[in-house]
Amino acid sequence: MTFIITDAMAEIVSEVTLALDGLEVTTTDQPHDAAAAVMAGGPVVLIMPPDIEWLNYTSATATWTVLLIVGTTDPTEANGTFDALLAALGPQLGLDSATPETYTISDRTFPGYTLTLTTEH
């Protein structure tokens, strides 16, 4: 079995970067980098390590959480950004779900989405 987190994370980061080519979005797997980008006013895609379920001795599924956070509190601006990000990411990643959320960074609340996708290993 391959290294689930390392190999798949690199592939997901690459797919996200490709899907968002031409959009000014920070893509990262580092929470501190995401927080800095949001505080600077930009949109962020933060890829978190997966939940892993072993199906047997040789295979597993990984459920990934991908956070979309925008650096604005203006609902119209945020929704326009989410439309563009979700339209680009949905087909590229084969997303399972997208749930609206709010995220607090440095005592400020920002709109976002929690996305999930599943990979098999």
PDB file of N, CA and C in Angstrom:
ATOM      1  N   MET A   1       0.863  -1.185   0.000  1.00  0.00           N
ATOM      2  CA  MET A   1       0.000   0.000   0.000  1.00  0.00           C
ATOM      3  C   MET A   1       0.899   1.235   0.000  1.00  0.00           C
ATOM      4  N   THR A   2       0.509   2.251  -0.751  1.00  0.00           N
ATOM      5  CA  THR A   2       1.288   3.488  -0.810  1.00  0.00           C
ATOM      6  C   THR A   2       1.088   4.282   0.467  1.00  0.00           C
ATOM      7  N   PHE A   3       1.848   5.328   0.604  1.00  0.00           N
ATOM      8  CA  PHE A   3       1.694   6.227   1.737  1.00  0.00           C
ATOM      9  C   PHE A   3       0.461   7.078   1.489  1.00  0.00           C
ATOM     10  N   ILE A   4      -0.589   6.792   2.209  1.00  0.00           N
ATOM     11  CA  ILE A   4      -1.886   7.421   1.964  1.00  0.00           C
ATOM     12  C   ILE A   4      -1.797   8.932   2.074  1.00  0.00           C
ATOM     13  N   ILE A   5      -1.272   9.427   3.160  1.00  0.00           N
ATOM     14  CA  ILE A   5      -1.309  10.868   3.396  1.00  0.00           C
ATOM     15  C   ILE A   5      -0.342  11.597   2.473  1.00  0.00           C
ATOM     16  N   THR A   6       0.908  11.199   2.452  1.00  0.00           N
ATOM     17  CA  THR A   6       1.929  11.923   1.694  1.00  0.00           C
ATOM     18  C   THR A   6       1.625  11.957   0.201  1.00  0.00           C
ATOM     19  N   ASP A   7       1.406  10.803  -0.396  1.00  0.00           N
ATOM     20  CA  ASP A   7       1.185  10.741  -1.841  1.00  0.00           C
ATOM     21  C   ASP A   7      -0.132  11.391  -2.239  1.00  0.00           C
ATOM     22  N   ALA A   8      -1.199  11.070  -1.534  1.00  0.00           N
ATOM     23  CA  ALA A   8      -2.511  11.617  -1.894  1.00  0.00           C
ATOM     24  C   ALA A   8      -2.573  13.119  -1.631  1.00  0.00           C
ATOM     25  N   MET A   9      -1.957  13.589  -0.544  1.00  0.00           N
ATOM     26  CA  MET A   9      -1.951  15.025  -0.258  1.00  0.00           C
ATOM     27  C   MET A   9      -1.276  15.778  -1.404  1.00  0.00           C
ATOM     28  N   ALA A  10      -0.139  15.287  -1.848  1.00  0.00           N
ATOM     29  CA  ALA A  10       0.574  15.945  -2.948  1.00  0.00           C
ATOM     30  C   ALA A  10      -0.288  15.960  -4.211  1.00  0.00           C
ATOM     31  N   GLU A  11      -0.996  14.865  -4.471  1.00  0.00           N
ATOM     32  CA  GLU A  11      -1.861  14.802  -5.652  1.00  0.00           C
ATOM     33  C   GLU A  11      -3.035  15.773  -5.529  1.00  0.00           C
ATOM     34  N   ILE A  12      -3.646  15.845  -4.349  1.00  0.00           N
ATOM     35  CA  ILE A  12      -4.781  16.756  -4.154  1.00  0.00           C
ATOM     36  C   ILE A  12      -4.323  18.209  -4.276  1.00  0.00           C
ATOM     37  N   VAL A  13      -3.202  18.563  -3.662  1.00  0.00           N
ATOM     38  CA  VAL A  13      -2.675  19.930  -3.780  1.00  0.00           C
ATOM     39  C   VAL A  13      -2.428  20.261  -5.252  1.00  0.00           C
ATOM     40  N   SER A  14      -1.857  19.319  -5.994  1.00  0.00           N
ATOM     41  CA  SER A  14      -1.603  19.536  -7.415  1.00  0.00           C
ATOM     42  C   SER A  14      -2.903  19.724  -8.196  1.00  0.00           C
ATOM     43  N   GLU A  15      -3.913  18.894  -7.921  1.00  0.00           N
ATOM     44  CA  GLU A  15      -5.195  19.004  -8.612  1.00  0.00           C
ATOM     45  C   GLU A  15      -5.897  20.321  -8.287  1.00  0.00           C
ATOM     46  N   VAL A  16      -5.842  20.734  -7.009  1.00  0.00           N
ATOM     47  CA  VAL A  16      -6.453  22.003  -6.620  1.00  0.00           C
ATOM     48  C   VAL A  16      -5.753  23.160  -7.319  1.00  0.00           C
ATOM     49  N   THR A  17      -4.430  23.145  -7.318  1.00  0.00           N
ATOM     50  CA  THR A  17      -3.653  24.205  -7.957  1.00  0.00           C
ATOM     51  C   THR A  17      -3.987  24.285  -9.448  1.00  0.00           C
ATOM     52  N   LEU A  18      -4.084  23.139 -10.104  1.00  0.00           N
ATOM     53  CA  LEU A  18      -4.430  23.102 -11.524  1.00  0.00           C
ATOM     54  C   LEU A  18      -5.848  23.633 -11.752  1.00  0.00           C
ATOM     55  N   ALA A  19      -6.797  23.206 -10.928  1.00  0.00           N
ATOM     56  CA  ALA A  19      -8.191  23.626 -11.084  1.00  0.00           C
ATOM     57  C   ALA A  19      -8.360  25.124 -10.878  1.00  0.00           C
ATOM     58  N   LEU A  20      -7.549  25.709 -10.010  1.00  0.00           N
ATOM     59  CA  LEU A  20      -7.694  27.130  -9.673  1.00  0.00           C
ATOM     60  C   LEU A  20      -6.721  28.022 -10.433  1.00  0.00           C
ATOM     61  N   ASP A  21      -6.075  27.474 -11.459  1.00  0.00           N
ATOM     62  CA  ASP A  21      -5.142  28.250 -12.264  1.00  0.00           C
ATOM     63  C   ASP A  21      -5.835  29.492 -12.813  1.00  0.00           C
ATOM     64  N   GLY A  22      -5.225  30.626 -12.594  1.00  0.00           N
ATOM     65  CA  GLY A  22      -5.794  31.891 -13.058  1.00  0.00           C
ATOM     66  C   GLY A  22      -6.610  32.614 -11.996  1.00  0.00           C
ATOM     67  N   LEU A  23      -6.955  31.930 -10.919  1.00  0.00           N
ATOM     68  CA  LEU A  23      -7.652  32.574  -9.802  1.00  0.00           C
ATOM     69  C   LEU A  23      -6.634  32.876  -8.715  1.00  0.00           C
ATOM     70  N   GLU A  24      -6.767  34.001  -8.073  1.00  0.00           N
ATOM     71  CA  GLU A  24      -5.832  34.364  -7.008  1.00  0.00           C
ATOM     72  C   GLU A  24      -6.292  33.738  -5.702  1.00  0.00           C
ATOM     73  N   VAL A  25      -5.821  32.515  -5.458  1.00  0.00           N
ATOM     74  CA  VAL A  25      -6.219  31.729  -4.294  1.00  0.00           C
ATOM     75  C   VAL A  25      -4.970  31.103  -3.692  1.00  0.00           C
ATOM     76  N   THR A  26      -4.855  31.138  -2.385  1.00  0.00           N
ATOM     77  CA  THR A  26      -3.776  30.434  -1.700  1.00  0.00           C
ATOM     78  C   THR A  26      -4.218  28.997  -1.476  1.00  0.00           C
ATOM     79  N   THR A  27      -3.421  28.044  -1.944  1.00  0.00           N
ATOM     80  CA  THR A  27      -3.677  26.622  -1.712  1.00  0.00           C
ATOM     81  C   THR A  27      -2.566  26.107  -0.817  1.00  0.00           C
ATOM     82  N   THR A  28      -2.952  25.490   0.303  1.00  0.00           N
ATOM     83  CA  THR A  28      -1.947  25.059   1.267  1.00  0.00           C
ATOM     84  C   THR A  28      -2.456  23.902   2.106  1.00  0.00           C
ATOM     85  N   ASP A  29      -1.524  23.207   2.742  1.00  0.00           N
ATOM     86  CA  ASP A  29      -1.863  22.214   3.753  1.00  0.00           C
ATOM     87  C   ASP A  29      -1.333  22.670   5.122  1.00  0.00           C
ATOM     88  N   GLN A  30      -0.985  23.957   5.203  1.00  0.00           N
ATOM     89  CA  GLN A  30      -0.443  24.533   6.437  1.00  0.00           C
ATOM     90  C   GLN A  30      -1.431  25.544   7.026  1.00  0.00           C
ATOM     91  N   PRO A  31      -2.054  25.246   8.172  1.00  0.00           N
ATOM     92  CA  PRO A  31      -3.046  26.156   8.756  1.00  0.00           C
ATOM     93  C   PRO A  31      -2.534  27.571   9.004  1.00  0.00           C
ATOM     94  N   HIS A  32      -1.275  27.733   9.421  1.00  0.00           N
ATOM     95  CA  HIS A  32      -0.770  29.086   9.692  1.00  0.00           C
ATOM     96  C   HIS A  32      -0.657  29.906   8.402  1.00  0.00           C
ATOM     97  N   ASP A  33      -0.321  29.255   7.275  1.00  0.00           N
ATOM     98  CA  ASP A  33      -0.282  29.956   5.995  1.00  0.00           C
ATOM     99  C   ASP A  33      -1.689  30.363   5.559  1.00  0.00           C
ATOM    100  N   ALA A  34      -2.652  29.483   5.805  1.00  0.00           N
ATOM    101  CA  ALA A  34      -4.044  29.789   5.459  1.00  0.00           C
ATOM    102  C   ALA A  34      -4.543  30.976   6.268  1.00  0.00           C
ATOM    103  N   ALA A  35      -4.270  30.981   7.555  1.00  0.00           N
ATOM    104  CA  ALA A  35      -4.723  32.078   8.419  1.00  0.00           C
ATOM    105  C   ALA A  35      -4.136  33.410   7.955  1.00  0.00           C
ATOM    106  N   ALA A  36      -2.858  33.411   7.620  1.00  0.00           N
ATOM    107  CA  ALA A  36      -2.208  34.651   7.163  1.00  0.00           C
ATOM    108  C   ALA A  36      -2.848  35.153   5.867  1.00  0.00           C
ATOM    109  N   ALA A  37      -3.146  34.253   4.941  1.00  0.00           N
ATOM    110  CA  ALA A  37      -3.750  34.656   3.667  1.00  0.00           C
ATOM    111  C   ALA A  37      -5.158  35.200   3.864  1.00  0.00           C
ATOM    112  N   VAL A  38      -5.938  34.572   4.738  1.00  0.00           N
ATOM    113  CA  VAL A  38      -7.293  35.059   5.011  1.00  0.00           C
ATOM    114  C   VAL A  38      -7.233  36.430   5.670  1.00  0.00           C
ATOM    115  N   MET A  39      -6.348  36.604   6.628  1.00  0.00           N
ATOM    116  CA  MET A  39      -6.223  37.900   7.308  1.00  0.00           C
ATOM    117  C   MET A  39      -5.778  38.995   6.340  1.00  0.00           C
ATOM    118  N   ALA A  40      -5.076  38.614   5.268  1.00  0.00           N
ATOM    119  CA  ALA A  40      -4.659  39.575   4.251  1.00  0.00           C
ATOM    120  C   ALA A  40      -5.781  39.849   3.244  1.00  0.00           C
ATOM    121  N   GLY A  41      -6.917  39.158   3.400  1.00  0.00           N
ATOM    122  CA  GLY A  41      -8.079  39.429   2.557  1.00  0.00           C
ATOM    123  C   GLY A  41      -8.297  38.478   1.404  1.00  0.00           C
ATOM    124  N   GLY A  42      -7.469  37.457   1.294  1.00  0.00           N
ATOM    125  CA  GLY A  42      -7.589  36.561   0.145  1.00  0.00           C
ATOM    126  C   GLY A  42      -8.347  35.288   0.443  1.00  0.00           C
ATOM    127  N   PRO A  43      -8.808  34.618  -0.614  1.00  0.00           N
ATOM    128  CA  PRO A  43      -9.429  33.310  -0.430  1.00  0.00           C
ATOM    129  C   PRO A  43      -8.367  32.226  -0.260  1.00  0.00           C
ATOM    130  N   VAL A  44      -8.738  31.170   0.458  1.00  0.00           N
ATOM    131  CA  VAL A  44      -7.807  30.096   0.785  1.00  0.00           C
ATOM    132  C   VAL A  44      -8.474  28.747   0.585  1.00  0.00           C
ATOM    133  N   VAL A  45      -7.690  27.793   0.102  1.00  0.00           N
ATOM    134  CA  VAL A  45      -8.067  26.389   0.105  1.00  0.00           C
ATOM    135  C   VAL A  45      -7.069  25.701   1.031  1.00  0.00           C
ATOM    136  N   LEU A  46      -7.572  25.182   2.148  1.00  0.00           N
ATOM    137  CA  LEU A  46      -6.728  24.509   3.141  1.00  0.00           C
ATOM    138  C   LEU A  46      -7.066  23.022   3.135  1.00  0.00           C
ATOM    139  N   ILE A  47      -6.094  22.196   2.807  1.00  0.00           N
ATOM    140  CA  ILE A  47      -6.287  20.756   2.721  1.00  0.00           C
ATOM    141  C   ILE A  47      -5.782  20.119   4.014  1.00  0.00           C
ATOM    142  N   MET A  48      -6.687  19.436   4.694  1.00  0.00           N
ATOM    143  CA  MET A  48      -6.368  18.827   5.981  1.00  0.00           C
ATOM    144  C   MET A  48      -6.042  17.340   5.795  1.00  0.00           C
ATOM    145  N   PRO A  49      -5.278  16.731   6.726  1.00  0.00           N
ATOM    146  CA  PRO A  49      -5.029  15.287   6.645  1.00  0.00           C
ATOM    147  C   PRO A  49      -6.355  14.517   6.728  1.00  0.00           C
ATOM    148  N   PRO A  50      -6.383  13.313   6.140  1.00  0.00           N
ATOM    149  CA  PRO A  50      -7.644  12.575   6.041  1.00  0.00           C
ATOM    150  C   PRO A  50      -7.976  11.728   7.263  1.00  0.00           C
ATOM    151  N   ASP A  51      -9.268  11.375   7.340  1.00  0.00           N
ATOM    152  CA  ASP A  51      -9.696  10.262   8.185  1.00  0.00           C
ATOM    153  C   ASP A  51      -9.452   9.014   7.340  1.00  0.00           C
ATOM    154  N   ILE A  52      -8.902   7.969   7.950  1.00  0.00           N
ATOM    155  CA  ILE A  52      -8.555   6.766   7.197  1.00  0.00           C
ATOM    156  C   ILE A  52      -9.325   5.583   7.761  1.00  0.00           C
ATOM    157  N   GLU A  53      -9.897   4.793   6.847  1.00  0.00           N
ATOM    158  CA  GLU A  53     -10.589   3.572   7.243  1.00  0.00           C
ATOM    159  C   GLU A  53      -9.977   2.420   6.453  1.00  0.00           C
ATOM    160  N   TRP A  54      -9.386   1.458   7.189  1.00  0.00           N
ATOM    161  CA  TRP A  54      -8.808   0.303   6.529  1.00  0.00           C
ATOM    162  C   TRP A  54      -9.922  -0.694   6.229  1.00  0.00           C
ATOM    163  N   LEU A  55      -9.988  -1.094   4.966  1.00  0.00           N
ATOM    164  CA  LEU A  55     -11.012  -2.032   4.524  1.00  0.00           C
ATOM    165  C   LEU A  55     -10.557  -3.468   4.730  1.00  0.00           C
ATOM    166  N   ASN A  56      -9.252  -3.678   4.642  1.00  0.00           N
ATOM    167  CA  ASN A  56      -8.622  -4.972   4.898  1.00  0.00           C
ATOM    168  C   ASN A  56      -7.129  -4.705   5.086  1.00  0.00           C
ATOM    169  N   TYR A  57      -6.305  -5.720   4.977  1.00  0.00           N
ATOM    170  CA  TYR A  57      -4.875  -5.543   5.227  1.00  0.00           C
ATOM    171  C   TYR A  57      -4.152  -4.763   4.139  1.00  0.00           C
ATOM    172  N   THR A  58      -4.758  -4.663   2.979  1.00  0.00           N
ATOM    173  CA  THR A  58      -4.047  -4.045   1.860  1.00  0.00           C
ATOM    174  C   THR A  58      -4.734  -2.839   1.250  1.00  0.00           C
ATOM    175  N   SER A  59      -5.918  -2.480   1.718  1.00  0.00           N
ATOM    176  CA  SER A  59      -6.588  -1.320   1.116  1.00  0.00           C
ATOM    177  C   SER A  59      -7.293  -0.482   2.181  1.00  0.00           C
ATOM    178  N   ALA A  60      -7.449   0.786   1.827  1.00  0.00           N
ATOM    179  CA  ALA A  60      -8.068   1.739   2.749  1.00  0.00           C
ATOM    180  C   ALA A  60      -8.772   2.827   1.951  1.00  0.00           C
ATOM    181  N   THR A  61      -9.682   3.521   2.611  1.00  0.00           N
ATOM    182  CA  THR A  61     -10.256   4.731   2.041  1.00  0.00           C
ATOM    183  C   THR A  61      -9.834   5.896   2.927  1.00  0.00           C
ATOM    184  N   ALA A  62      -9.637   7.030   2.300  1.00  0.00           N
ATOM    185  CA  ALA A  62      -9.270   8.245   3.031  1.00  0.00           C
ATOM    186  C   ALA A  62     -10.328   9.301   2.728  1.00  0.00           C
ATOM    187  N   THR A  63     -10.902   9.880   3.776  1.00  0.00           N
ATOM    188  CA  THR A  63     -11.872  10.954   3.611  1.00  0.00           C
ATOM    189  C   THR A  63     -11.182  12.252   3.972  1.00  0.00           C
ATOM    190  N   TRP A  64     -11.065  13.108   2.974  1.00  0.00           N
ATOM    191  CA  TRP A  64     -10.323  14.356   3.091  1.00  0.00           C
ATOM    192  C   TRP A  64     -11.254  15.514   3.399  1.00  0.00           C
ATOM    193  N   THR A  65     -10.796  16.420   4.243  1.00  0.00           N
ATOM    194  CA  THR A  65     -11.505  17.662   4.518  1.00  0.00           C
ATOM    195  C   THR A  65     -10.721  18.795   3.864  1.00  0.00           C
ATOM    196  N   VAL A  66     -11.423  19.562   3.049  1.00  0.00           N
ATOM    197  CA  VAL A  66     -10.832  20.697   2.359  1.00  0.00           C
ATOM    198  C   VAL A  66     -11.641  21.924   2.765  1.00  0.00           C
ATOM    199  N   LEU A  67     -10.978  22.913   3.338  1.00  0.00           N
ATOM    200  CA  LEU A  67     -11.656  24.118   3.801  1.00  0.00           C
ATOM    201  C   LEU A  67     -11.486  25.237   2.781  1.00  0.00           C
ATOM    202  N   LEU A  68     -12.590  25.877   2.433  1.00  0.00           N
ATOM    203  CA  LEU A  68     -12.563  27.097   1.629  1.00  0.00           C
ATOM    204  C   LEU A  68     -12.888  28.230   2.580  1.00  0.00           C
ATOM    205  N   ILE A  69     -12.042  29.227   2.643  1.00  0.00           N
ATOM    206  CA  ILE A  69     -12.273  30.370   3.524  1.00  0.00           C
ATOM    207  C   ILE A  69     -11.958  31.627   2.733  1.00  0.00           C
ATOM    208  N   VAL A  70     -12.848  32.609   2.813  1.00  0.00           N
ATOM    209  CA  VAL A  70     -12.592  33.875   2.118  1.00  0.00           C
ATOM    210  C   VAL A  70     -12.298  34.966   3.138  1.00  0.00           C
ATOM    211  N   GLY A  71     -11.441  35.890   2.748  1.00  0.00           N
ATOM    212  CA  GLY A  71     -11.001  36.960   3.633  1.00  0.00           C
ATOM    213  C   GLY A  71     -11.894  38.182   3.575  1.00  0.00           C
ATOM    214  N   THR A  72     -13.191  37.974   3.453  1.00  0.00           N
ATOM    215  CA  THR A  72     -14.137  39.089   3.446  1.00  0.00           C
ATOM    216  C   THR A  72     -15.356  38.697   4.270  1.00  0.00           C
ATOM    217  N   THR A  73     -16.027  39.686   4.807  1.00  0.00           N
ATOM    218  CA  THR A  73     -17.284  39.414   5.506  1.00  0.00           C
ATOM    219  C   THR A  73     -18.469  39.924   4.695  1.00  0.00           C
ATOM    220  N   ASP A  74     -18.219  40.468   3.501  1.00  0.00           N
ATOM    221  CA  ASP A  74     -19.278  40.929   2.609  1.00  0.00           C
ATOM    222  C   ASP A  74     -19.917  39.704   1.945  1.00  0.00           C
ATOM    223  N   PRO A  75     -21.200  39.417   2.233  1.00  0.00           N
ATOM    224  CA  PRO A  75     -21.831  38.200   1.704  1.00  0.00           C
ATOM    225  C   PRO A  75     -21.840  38.118   0.183  1.00  0.00           C
ATOM    226  N   THR A  76     -22.068  39.223  -0.501  1.00  0.00           N
ATOM    227  CA  THR A  76     -22.105  39.201  -1.966  1.00  0.00           C
ATOM    228  C   THR A  76     -20.734  38.855  -2.530  1.00  0.00           C
ATOM    229  N   GLU A  77     -19.700  39.467  -2.007  1.00  0.00           N
ATOM    230  CA  GLU A  77     -18.336  39.167  -2.453  1.00  0.00           C
ATOM    231  C   GLU A  77     -17.966  37.720  -2.134  1.00  0.00           C
ATOM    232  N   ALA A  78     -18.302  37.276  -0.931  1.00  0.00           N
ATOM    233  CA  ALA A  78     -17.996  35.900  -0.529  1.00  0.00           C
ATOM    234  C   ALA A  78     -18.699  34.896  -1.438  1.00  0.00           C
ATOM    235  N   ASN A  79     -19.986  35.114  -1.715  1.00  0.00           N
ATOM    236  CA  ASN A  79     -20.735  34.174  -2.551  1.00  0.00           C
ATOM    237  C   ASN A  79     -20.175  34.108  -3.964  1.00  0.00           C
ATOM    238  N   GLY A  80     -19.767  35.243  -4.515  1.00  0.00           N
ATOM    239  CA  GLY A  80     -19.154  35.237  -5.842  1.00  0.00           C
ATOM    240  C   GLY A  80     -17.867  34.431  -5.861  1.00  0.00           C
ATOM    241  N   THR A  81     -17.088  34.570  -4.810  1.00  0.00           N
ATOM    242  CA  THR A  81     -15.836  33.803  -4.710  1.00  0.00           C
ATOM    243  C   THR A  81     -16.134  32.320  -4.566  1.00  0.00           C
ATOM    244  N   PHE A  82     -17.109  31.975  -3.706  1.00  0.00           N
ATOM    245  CA  PHE A  82     -17.471  30.564  -3.533  1.00  0.00           C
ATOM    246  C   PHE A  82     -17.974  29.956  -4.835  1.00  0.00           C
ATOM    247  N   ASP A  83     -18.788  30.709  -5.590  1.00  0.00           N
ATOM    248  CA  ASP A  83     -19.278  30.203  -6.876  1.00  0.00           C
ATOM    249  C   ASP A  83     -18.106  29.794  -7.771  1.00  0.00           C
ATOM    250  N   ALA A  84     -17.114  30.676  -7.892  1.00  0.00           N
ATOM    251  CA  ALA A  84     -15.963  30.403  -8.757  1.00  0.00           C
ATOM    252  C   ALA A  84     -15.149  29.214  -8.245  1.00  0.00           C
ATOM    253  N   LEU A  85     -14.903  29.168  -6.925  1.00  0.00           N
ATOM    254  CA  LEU A  85     -14.095  28.088  -6.356  1.00  0.00           C
ATOM    255  C   LEU A  85     -14.791  26.740  -6.466  1.00  0.00           C
ATOM    256  N   LEU A  86     -16.070  26.695  -6.127  1.00  0.00           N
ATOM    257  CA  LEU A  86     -16.806  25.428  -6.176  1.00  0.00           C
ATOM    258  C   LEU A  86     -16.973  24.940  -7.613  1.00  0.00           C
ATOM    259  N   ALA A  87     -17.191  25.856  -8.538  1.00  0.00           N
ATOM    260  CA  ALA A  87     -17.316  25.467  -9.950  1.00  0.00           C
ATOM    261  C   ALA A  87     -16.010  24.864 -10.463  1.00  0.00           C
ATOM    262  N   ALA A  88     -14.885  25.398 -10.008  1.00  0.00           N
ATOM    263  CA  ALA A  88     -13.580  24.892 -10.446  1.00  0.00           C
ATOM    264  C   ALA A  88     -13.207  23.588  -9.745  1.00  0.00           C
ATOM    265  N   LEU A  89     -13.483  23.493  -8.447  1.00  0.00           N
ATOM    266  CA  LEU A  89     -13.029  22.344  -7.664  1.00  0.00           C
ATOM    267  C   LEU A  89     -13.927  21.121  -7.771  1.00  0.00           C
ATOM    268  N   GLY A  90     -15.238  21.324  -7.871  1.00  0.00           N
ATOM    269  CA  GLY A  90     -16.171  20.196  -7.878  1.00  0.00           C
ATOM    270  C   GLY A  90     -15.828  19.139  -8.907  1.00  0.00           C
ATOM    271  N   PRO A  91     -15.762  19.504 -10.178  1.00  0.00           N
ATOM    272  CA  PRO A  91     -15.459  18.499 -11.202  1.00  0.00           C
ATOM    273  C   PRO A  91     -14.032  17.947 -11.101  1.00  0.00           C
ATOM    274  N   GLN A  92     -13.079  18.790 -10.738  1.00  0.00           N
ATOM    275  CA  GLN A  92     -11.675  18.370 -10.690  1.00  0.00           C
ATOM    276  C   GLN A  92     -11.412  17.358  -9.576  1.00  0.00           C
ATOM    277  N   LEU A  93     -12.028  17.582  -8.404  1.00  0.00           N
ATOM    278  CA  LEU A  93     -11.750  16.726  -7.253  1.00  0.00           C
ATOM    279  C   LEU A  93     -12.764  15.610  -7.054  1.00  0.00           C
ATOM    280  N   GLY A  94     -13.910  15.681  -7.708  1.00  0.00           N
ATOM    281  CA  GLY A  94     -14.953  14.686  -7.458  1.00  0.00           C
ATOM    282  C   GLY A  94     -15.447  14.777  -6.027  1.00  0.00           C
ATOM    283  N   LEU A  95     -15.852  15.964  -5.622  1.00  0.00           N
ATOM    284  CA  LEU A  95     -16.235  16.216  -4.227  1.00  0.00           C
ATOM    285  C   LEU A  95     -17.437  15.385  -3.805  1.00  0.00           C
ATOM    286  N   ASP A  96     -17.432  14.969  -2.530  1.00  0.00           N
ATOM    287  CA  ASP A  96     -18.562  14.251  -1.939  1.00  0.00           C
ATOM    288  C   ASP A  96     -19.615  15.221  -1.413  1.00  0.00           C
ATOM    289  N   SER A  97     -19.166  16.322  -0.777  1.00  0.00           N
ATOM    290  CA  SER A  97     -20.108  17.273  -0.177  1.00  0.00           C
ATOM    291  C   SER A  97     -19.451  18.627   0.022  1.00  0.00           C
ATOM    292  N   ALA A  98     -20.304  19.641   0.202  1.00  0.00           N
ATOM    293  CA  ALA A  98     -19.860  21.002   0.515  1.00  0.00           C
ATOM    294  C   ALA A  98     -20.852  21.560   1.531  1.00  0.00           C
ATOM    295  N   THR A  99     -20.361  21.926   2.713  1.00  0.00           N
ATOM    296  CA  THR A  99     -21.205  22.418   3.797  1.00  0.00           C
ATOM    297  C   THR A  99     -20.763  23.823   4.188  1.00  0.00           C
ATOM    298  N   PRO A 100     -21.687  24.809   4.192  1.00  0.00           N
ATOM    299  CA  PRO A 100     -21.284  26.158   4.589  1.00  0.00           C
ATOM    300  C   PRO A 100     -20.903  26.200   6.071  1.00  0.00           C
ATOM    301  N   GLU A 101     -19.901  26.988   6.365  1.00  0.00           N
ATOM    302  CA  GLU A 101     -19.377  27.114   7.731  1.00  0.00           C
ATOM    303  C   GLU A 101     -18.927  28.551   7.961  1.00  0.00           C
ATOM    304  N   THR A 102     -18.610  28.871   9.194  1.00  0.00           N
ATOM    305  CA  THR A 102     -17.869  30.086   9.502  1.00  0.00           C
ATOM    306  C   THR A 102     -16.623  29.674  10.278  1.00  0.00           C
ATOM    307  N   TYR A 103     -15.559  30.436  10.097  1.00  0.00           N
ATOM    308  CA  TYR A 103     -14.281  30.143  10.732  1.00  0.00           C
ATOM    309  C   TYR A 103     -13.803  31.388  11.457  1.00  0.00           C
ATOM    310  N   THR A 104     -13.327  31.200  12.671  1.00  0.00           N
ATOM    311  CA  THR A 104     -12.818  32.312  13.464  1.00  0.00           C
ATOM    312  C   THR A 104     -11.296  32.289  13.436  1.00  0.00           C
ATOM    313  N   ILE A 105     -10.734  33.410  12.997  1.00  0.00           N
ATOM    314  CA  ILE A 105      -9.284  33.580  12.944  1.00  0.00           C
ATOM    315  C   ILE A 105      -8.980  34.927  13.576  1.00  0.00           C
ATOM    316  N   SER A 106      -8.161  34.915  14.612  1.00  0.00           N
ATOM    317  CA  SER A 106      -7.773  36.149  15.308  1.00  0.00           C
ATOM    318  C   SER A 106      -8.988  36.991  15.690  1.00  0.00           C
ATOM    319  N   ASP A 107      -9.971  36.345  16.309  1.00  0.00           N
ATOM    320  CA  ASP A 107     -11.186  37.006  16.808  1.00  0.00           C
ATOM    321  C   ASP A 107     -12.046  37.627  15.712  1.00  0.00           C
ATOM    322  N   ARG A 108     -11.846  37.239  14.468  1.00  0.00           N
ATOM    323  CA  ARG A 108     -12.705  37.679  13.365  1.00  0.00           C
ATOM    324  C   ARG A 108     -13.347  36.442  12.746  1.00  0.00           C
ATOM    325  N   THR A 109     -14.574  36.582  12.292  1.00  0.00           N
ATOM    326  CA  THR A 109     -15.289  35.457  11.719  1.00  0.00           C
ATOM    327  C   THR A 109     -15.402  35.621  10.210  1.00  0.00           C
ATOM    328  N   PHE A 110     -15.026  34.559   9.486  1.00  0.00           N
ATOM    329  CA  PHE A 110     -15.020  34.567   8.027  1.00  0.00           C
ATOM    330  C   PHE A 110     -15.909  33.451   7.496  1.00  0.00           C
ATOM    331  N   PRO A 111     -16.580  33.699   6.366  1.00  0.00           N
ATOM    332  CA  PRO A 111     -17.405  32.645   5.767  1.00  0.00           C
ATOM    333  C   PRO A 111     -16.539  31.625   5.039  1.00  0.00           C
ATOM    334  N   GLY A 112     -17.082  30.415   4.956  1.00  0.00           N
ATOM    335  CA  GLY A 112     -16.353  29.374   4.257  1.00  0.00           C
ATOM    336  C   GLY A 112     -17.208  28.166   3.974  1.00  0.00           C
ATOM    337  N   TYR A 113     -16.570  27.155   3.449  1.00  0.00           N
ATOM    338  CA  TYR A 113     -17.191  25.869   3.176  1.00  0.00           C
ATOM    339  C   TYR A 113     -16.254  24.774   3.629  1.00  0.00           C
ATOM    340  N   THR A 114     -16.818  23.694   4.146  1.00  0.00           N
ATOM    341  CA  THR A 114     -16.077  22.480   4.400  1.00  0.00           C
ATOM    342  C   THR A 114     -16.440  21.493   3.302  1.00  0.00           C
ATOM    343  N   LEU A 115     -15.445  21.083   2.528  1.00  0.00           N
ATOM    344  CA  LEU A 115     -15.637  20.136   1.448  1.00  0.00           C
ATOM    345  C   LEU A 115     -15.092  18.786   1.874  1.00  0.00           C
ATOM    346  N   THR A 116     -15.692  17.723   1.376  1.00  0.00           N
ATOM    347  CA  THR A 116     -15.130  16.392   1.622  1.00  0.00           C
ATOM    348  C   THR A 116     -14.990  15.659   0.298  1.00  0.00           C
ATOM    349  N   LEU A 117     -13.971  14.819   0.247  1.00  0.00           N
ATOM    350  CA  LEU A 117     -13.777  13.922  -0.879  1.00  0.00           C
ATOM    351  C   LEU A 117     -13.139  12.650  -0.369  1.00  0.00           C
ATOM    352  N   THR A 118     -13.353  11.571  -1.082  1.00  0.00           N
ATOM    353  CA  THR A 118     -12.855  10.269  -0.655  1.00  0.00           C
ATOM    354  C   THR A 118     -11.928   9.706  -1.719  1.00  0.00           C
ATOM    355  N   THR A 119     -10.797   9.165  -1.263  1.00  0.00           N
ATOM    356  CA  THR A 119      -9.873   8.496  -2.166  1.00  0.00           C
ATOM    357  C   THR A 119      -9.693   7.060  -1.686  1.00  0.00           C
ATOM    358  N   GLU A 120      -9.398   6.180  -2.614  1.00  0.00           N
ATOM    359  CA  GLU A 120      -9.175   4.775  -2.288  1.00  0.00           C
ATOM    360  C   GLU A 120      -7.704   4.441  -2.491  1.00  0.00           C
ATOM    361  N   HIS A 121      -7.186   3.639  -1.571  1.00  0.00           N
ATOM    362  CA  HIS A 121      -5.750   3.297  -1.599  1.00  0.00           C
ATOM    363  C   HIS A 121      -5.554   1.815  -1.408  1.00  0.00           C
TER     364      HIS A 121
END
